[in-house]
C-alpha atoms as a PDB file:
ATOM      1  CA  MET A   1     -65.604  51.507 -46.261  1.00  0.00           C
ATOM      2  CA  LYS A   2     -63.056  52.304 -43.916  1.00  0.00           C
ATOM      3  CA  SER A   3     -60.998  55.500 -45.045  1.00  0.00           C
ATOM      4  CA  PHE A   4     -57.316  55.207 -45.909  1.00  0.00           C
ATOM      5  CA  HIS A   5     -55.350  54.748 -43.205  1.00  0.00           C
ATOM      6  CA  PHE A   6     -51.063  54.387 -44.100  1.00  0.00           C
ATOM      7  CA  PRO A   7     -49.315  52.329 -41.525  1.00  0.00           C
ATOM      8  CA  LEU A   8     -45.856  54.732 -42.183  1.00  0.00           C
ATOM      9  CA  GLU A   9     -47.180  58.098 -42.032  1.00  0.00           C
ATOM     10  CA  ILE A  10     -45.778  58.244 -38.670  1.00  0.00           C
ATOM     11  CA  VAL A  11     -42.247  57.613 -40.497  1.00  0.00           C
ATOM     12  CA  ILE A  12     -43.215  60.179 -43.122  1.00  0.00           C
ATOM     13  CA  GLU A  13     -43.664  62.725 -40.412  1.00  0.00           C
ATOM     14  CA  ALA A  14     -39.874  61.746 -38.589  1.00  0.00           C
ATOM     15  CA  ARG A  15     -38.360  61.868 -42.490  1.00  0.00           C
ATOM     16  CA  ARG A  16     -39.430  65.388 -43.095  1.00  0.00           C
ATOM     17  CA  ALA A  17     -38.640  66.946 -39.656  1.00  0.00           C
ATOM     18  CA  GLN A  18     -34.890  64.945 -40.157  1.00  0.00           C
ATOM     19  CA  GLU A  19     -35.046  66.384 -43.909  1.00  0.00           C
ATOM     20  CA  THR A  20     -35.846  70.315 -42.073  1.00  0.00           C
ATOM     21  CA  GLU A  21     -32.985  69.217 -39.284  1.00  0.00           C
ATOM     22  CA  LYS A  22     -30.268  68.595 -42.089  1.00  0.00           C
ATOM     23  CA  ARG A  23     -31.449  71.841 -43.868  1.00  0.00           C
ATOM     24  CA  GLN A  24     -31.142  73.881 -41.004  1.00  0.00           C
ATOM     25  CA  GLN A  25     -27.877  72.024 -40.687  1.00  0.00           C
ATOM     26  CA  LEU A  26     -26.838  73.090 -44.550  1.00  0.00           C
ATOM     27  CA  ALA A  27     -27.869  76.661 -43.966  1.00  0.00           C
ATOM     28  CA  LEU A  28     -25.517  76.938 -40.873  1.00  0.00           C
ATOM     29  CA  ALA A  29     -22.226  74.915 -42.978  1.00  0.00           C
ATOM     30  CA  LEU A  30     -23.340  77.677 -45.968  1.00  0.00           C
ATOM     31  CA  GLU A  31     -22.696  80.061 -43.408  1.00  0.00           C
ATOM     32  CA  LYS A  32     -19.995  79.468 -42.037  1.00  0.00           C
ATOM     33  CA  GLN A  33     -18.558  78.633 -45.565  1.00  0.00           C
ATOM     34  CA  ARG A  34     -19.657  82.407 -46.421  1.00  0.00           C
ATOM     35  CA  ASP A  35     -17.605  83.697 -43.666  1.00  0.00           C
ATOM     36  CA  ALA A  36     -14.293  81.703 -44.195  1.00  0.00           C
ATOM     37  CA  THR A  37     -14.470  82.885 -47.540  1.00  0.00           C
ATOM     38  CA  ALA A  38     -14.974  86.248 -46.675  1.00  0.00           C
ATOM     39  CA  ARG A  39     -11.897  85.931 -44.021  1.00  0.00           C
ATOM     40  CA  SER A  40      -9.663  84.252 -47.089  1.00  0.00           C
ATOM     41  CA  SER A  41     -10.680  87.385 -49.510  1.00  0.00           C
ATOM     42  CA  GLU A  42      -9.825  89.638 -46.910  1.00  0.00           C
ATOM     43  CA  ALA A  43      -6.532  88.220 -46.020  1.00  0.00           C
ATOM     44  CA  ALA A  44      -5.589  87.953 -49.646  1.00  0.00           C
ATOM     45  CA  ARG A  45      -6.105  91.956 -49.837  1.00  0.00           C
ATOM     46  CA  THR A  46      -4.511  92.789 -46.487  1.00  0.00           C
ATOM     47  CA  LEU A  47      -1.411  90.602 -48.184  1.00  0.00           C
ATOM     48  CA  ASP A  48      -1.651  92.066 -51.732  1.00  0.00           C
ATOM     49  CA  LEU A  49      -1.493  95.632 -49.880  1.00  0.00           C
ATOM     50  CA  LEU A  50       1.916  94.411 -47.721  1.00  0.00           C
ATOM     51  CA  LEU A  51       2.975  93.375 -51.113  1.00  0.00           C
ATOM     52  CA  GLN A  52       2.796  96.945 -53.017  1.00  0.00           C
ATOM     53  CA  THR A  53       3.741  98.372 -49.289  1.00  0.00           C
ATOM     54  CA  ILE A  54       7.028  96.680 -50.065  1.00  0.00           C
ATOM     55  CA  VAL A  55       7.231  97.474 -53.754  1.00  0.00           C
ATOM     56  CA  THR A  56       6.826 100.854 -52.785  1.00  0.00           C
ATOM     57  CA  ALA A  57       9.130 100.842 -49.749  1.00  0.00           C
ATOM     58  CA  SER A  58      12.062  99.418 -51.506  1.00  0.00           C
ATOM     59  CA  ILE A  59      12.061 101.982 -54.694  1.00  0.00           C
ATOM     60  CA  GLU A  60      12.604 104.772 -51.636  1.00  0.00           C
ATOM     61  CA  ARG A  61      15.199 104.078 -49.242  1.00  0.00           C
ATOM     62  CA  PHE A  62      15.263 100.723 -48.537  1.00  0.00           C
ATOM     63  CA  SER A  63      17.350  99.264 -45.902  1.00  0.00           C
ATOM     64  CA  VAL A  64      18.505  95.572 -45.083  1.00  0.00           C
ATOM     65  CA  SER A  65      16.155  95.699 -41.809  1.00  0.00           C
ATOM     66  CA  ASN A  66      13.291  97.066 -43.068  1.00  0.00           C
ATOM     67  CA  ARG A  67      13.501  94.204 -46.009  1.00  0.00           C
ATOM     68  CA  GLU A  68      13.751  91.484 -43.427  1.00  0.00           C
ATOM     69  CA  ARG A  69      10.631  93.280 -41.565  1.00  0.00           C
ATOM     70  CA  PHE A  70       8.526  93.223 -44.614  1.00  0.00           C
ATOM     71  CA  TRP A  71       9.851  89.431 -45.782  1.00  0.00           C
ATOM     72  CA  ALA A  72       9.075  88.633 -41.683  1.00  0.00           C
ATOM     73  CA  MET A  73       5.533  90.384 -41.918  1.00  0.00           C
ATOM     74  CA  ARG A  74       4.747  88.739 -45.727  1.00  0.00           C
ATOM     75  CA  GLN A  75       5.801  85.035 -44.396  1.00  0.00           C
ATOM     76  CA  ALA A  76       3.117  85.314 -41.673  1.00  0.00           C
ATOM     77  CA  GLN A  77       0.399  86.911 -44.001  1.00  0.00           C
ATOM     78  CA  GLU A  78       0.822  84.177 -46.418  1.00  0.00           C
ATOM     79  CA  LYS A  79       0.856  81.369 -43.391  1.00  0.00           C
ATOM     80  CA  ILE A  80      -2.336  82.682 -42.495  1.00  0.00           C
ATOM     81  CA  CYS A  81      -3.862  83.299 -45.947  1.00  0.00           C
ATOM     82  CA  THR A  82      -3.067  79.257 -46.534  1.00  0.00           C
ATOM     83  CA  GLU A  83      -4.653  78.686 -42.806  1.00  0.00           C
ATOM     84  CA  LEU A  84      -7.428  80.482 -43.835  1.00  0.00           C
ATOM     85  CA  LEU A  85      -7.855  79.100 -47.470  1.00  0.00           C
ATOM     86  CA  VAL A  86      -7.404  75.270 -46.119  1.00  0.00           C
ATOM     87  CA  ALA A  87     -10.429  76.334 -43.205  1.00  0.00           C
ATOM     88  CA  GLU A  88     -12.325  77.641 -46.432  1.00  0.00           C
ATOM     89  CA  GLN A  89     -12.029  74.527 -48.168  1.00  0.00           C
ATOM     90  CA  GLU A  90     -13.041  72.484 -45.049  1.00  0.00           C
ATOM     91  CA  CYS A  91     -16.222  74.579 -45.086  1.00  0.00           C
ATOM     92  CA  ALA A  92     -16.714  73.885 -48.493  1.00  0.00           C
ATOM     93  CA  ARG A  93     -16.336  69.545 -47.633  1.00  0.00           C
ATOM     94  CA  LEU A  94     -18.486  69.933 -45.073  1.00  0.00           C
ATOM     95  CA  THR A  95     -21.518  71.797 -46.589  1.00  0.00           C
ATOM     96  CA  GLU A  96     -20.923  69.397 -49.391  1.00  0.00           C
ATOM     97  CA  GLU A  97     -21.626  66.612 -47.070  1.00  0.00           C
ATOM     98  CA  LYS A  98     -24.267  68.745 -45.343  1.00  0.00           C
ATOM     99  CA  ARG A  99     -26.127  68.873 -49.106  1.00  0.00           C
ATOM    100  CA  THR A 100     -25.564  65.088 -49.834  1.00  0.00           C
ATOM    101  CA  ALA A 101     -27.156  64.224 -46.253  1.00  0.00           C
ATOM    102  CA  VAL A 102     -30.328  66.658 -47.315  1.00  0.00           C
ATOM    103  CA  LEU A 103     -30.538  65.390 -50.746  1.00  0.00           C
ATOM    104  CA  GLN A 104     -30.297  61.646 -49.108  1.00  0.00           C
ATOM    105  CA  ALA A 105     -32.724  63.045 -46.318  1.00  0.00           C
ATOM    106  CA  ARG A 106     -35.368  64.069 -49.056  1.00  0.00           C
ATOM    107  CA  ARG A 107     -34.759  60.779 -50.992  1.00  0.00           C
ATOM    108  CA  ASN A 108     -36.088  58.692 -48.067  1.00  0.00           C
ATOM    109  CA  ARG A 109     -38.868  61.140 -47.575  1.00  0.00           C
ATOM    110  CA  GLU A 110     -40.242  60.892 -50.966  1.00  0.00           C
ATOM    111  CA  LEU A 111     -39.523  57.126 -51.557  1.00  0.00           C
ATOM    112  CA  LEU A 112     -42.152  56.617 -48.762  1.00  0.00           C
ATOM    113  CA  GLU A 113     -44.273  59.183 -49.709  1.00  0.00           C
ATOM    114  CA  ARG A 114     -44.550  57.350 -53.346  1.00  0.00           C
ATOM    115  CA  LEU A 115     -45.443  54.209 -51.605  1.00  0.00           C
ATOM    116  CA  LYS A 116     -48.220  55.876 -49.894  1.00  0.00           C
ATOM    117  CA  ALA A 117     -49.237  57.268 -53.209  1.00  0.00           C
ATOM    118  CA  ALA A 118     -49.090  53.623 -54.625  1.00  0.00           C
ATOM    119  CA  ARG A 119     -50.693  52.385 -51.558  1.00  0.00           C
ATOM    120  CA  HIS A 120     -53.855  55.140 -51.714  1.00  0.00           C
ATOM    121  CA  SER A 121     -54.391  54.649 -55.301  1.00  0.00           C
ATOM    122  CA  ALA A 122     -54.492  50.675 -54.877  1.00  0.00           C
ATOM    123  CA  TRP A 123     -56.883  51.199 -51.922  1.00  0.00           C
ATOM    124  CA  GLU A 124     -59.178  53.820 -54.176  1.00  0.00           C
ATOM    125  CA  LYS A 125     -59.196  50.943 -56.967  1.00  0.00           C
ATOM    126  CA  ASP A 126     -60.188  48.071 -54.122  1.00  0.00           C
ATOM    127  CA  ALA A 127     -63.214  50.921 -52.997  1.00  0.00           C
ATOM    128  CA  ALA A 128     -64.073  51.755 -56.137  1.00  0.00           C
ATOM    129  CA  HIS A 129     -64.374  47.786 -57.147  1.00  0.00           C
ATOM    130  CA  ALA A 130     -66.078  47.036 -53.534  1.00  0.00           C
ATOM    131  CA  GLU A 131     -69.024  50.072 -54.616  1.00  0.00           C
ATOM    132  CA  GLN A 132     -69.284  48.674 -58.073  1.00  0.00           C
ATOM    133  CA  HIS A 133     -69.779  44.912 -55.984  1.00  0.00           C
ATOM    134  CA  GLN A 134     -72.583  46.921 -54.048  1.00  0.00           C
ATOM    135  CA  PHE A 135     -74.132  48.212 -56.937  1.00  0.00           C
ATOM    136  CA  ASP A 136     -74.582  45.591 -58.700  1.00  0.00           C
ATOM    137  CA  GLU A 137     -75.791  43.374 -55.548  1.00  0.00           C
ATOM    138  CA  PHE A 138     -78.259  46.748 -55.494  1.00  0.00           C
ATOM    139  CA  ALA A 139     -79.427  46.228 -59.077  1.00  0.00           C
ATOM    140  CA  MET A 140     -79.590  42.188 -58.561  1.00  0.00           C
ATOM    141  CA  THR A 141     -81.467  42.306 -55.815  1.00  0.00           C
ATOM    142  CA  ARG A 142     -84.051  44.331 -57.464  1.00  0.00           C
ATOM    143  CA  ARG A 143     -84.491  42.887 -60.472  1.00  0.00           C
ATOM    144  CA  HIS A 144     -84.903  39.037 -58.243  1.00  0.00           C
ATOM    145  CA  GLN A 145     -87.841  41.526 -56.165  1.00  0.00           C
ATOM    146  CA  ALA A 146     -88.810  42.743 -59.661  1.00  0.00           C
ATOM    147  CA  ALA A 147     -89.084  39.503 -61.314  1.00  0.00           C
ATOM    148  CA  GLN A 148     -90.651  38.093 -57.867  1.00  0.00           C
ATOM    149  CA  GLN A 149     -93.579  40.248 -58.230  1.00  0.00           C
ATOM    150  CA  GLU A 150     -94.202  39.812 -61.837  1.00  0.00           C
ATOM    151  CA  SER A 151     -94.244  36.158 -61.541  1.00  0.00           C
ATOM    152  CA  ALA A 152     -96.685  37.002 -58.304  1.00  0.00           C
ATOM    153  CA  LEU A 153     -99.561  38.860 -60.680  1.00  0.00           C
ATOM    154  CA  CYS A 154     -99.557  36.495 -63.122  1.00  0.00           C
END
């Protein structure tokens, strides 16, 4: 009997390649998300330091111009923190999309691999059945030959 051949093997290989590509895209997205989180955290620490400086300066000699300057710096820093937080959230959203794409690619590949396994199992059953049929034929032929030899001897 001929060997097992799965006609969709090329499709499985293509799905594996797609899954690998999507995993690489997910890795890049995770890296961008980590960078965005680090920048956002750094901006928040800088804002906290600025607020501590304002509090410390307000205890000592603190003029209206200093107050307005610190207030403007604080607003600018808060704006930067907000923008970085939004960027971090966008990176998290993109990362989740990439993760979903990887899971979908994996499901697509696994679906074909399960189909291949089912087809291989069916092929093995057919091969075993054909082999058993050949053994049965061989046994019947041998029995028939033995019967003919016995009848020829009598």
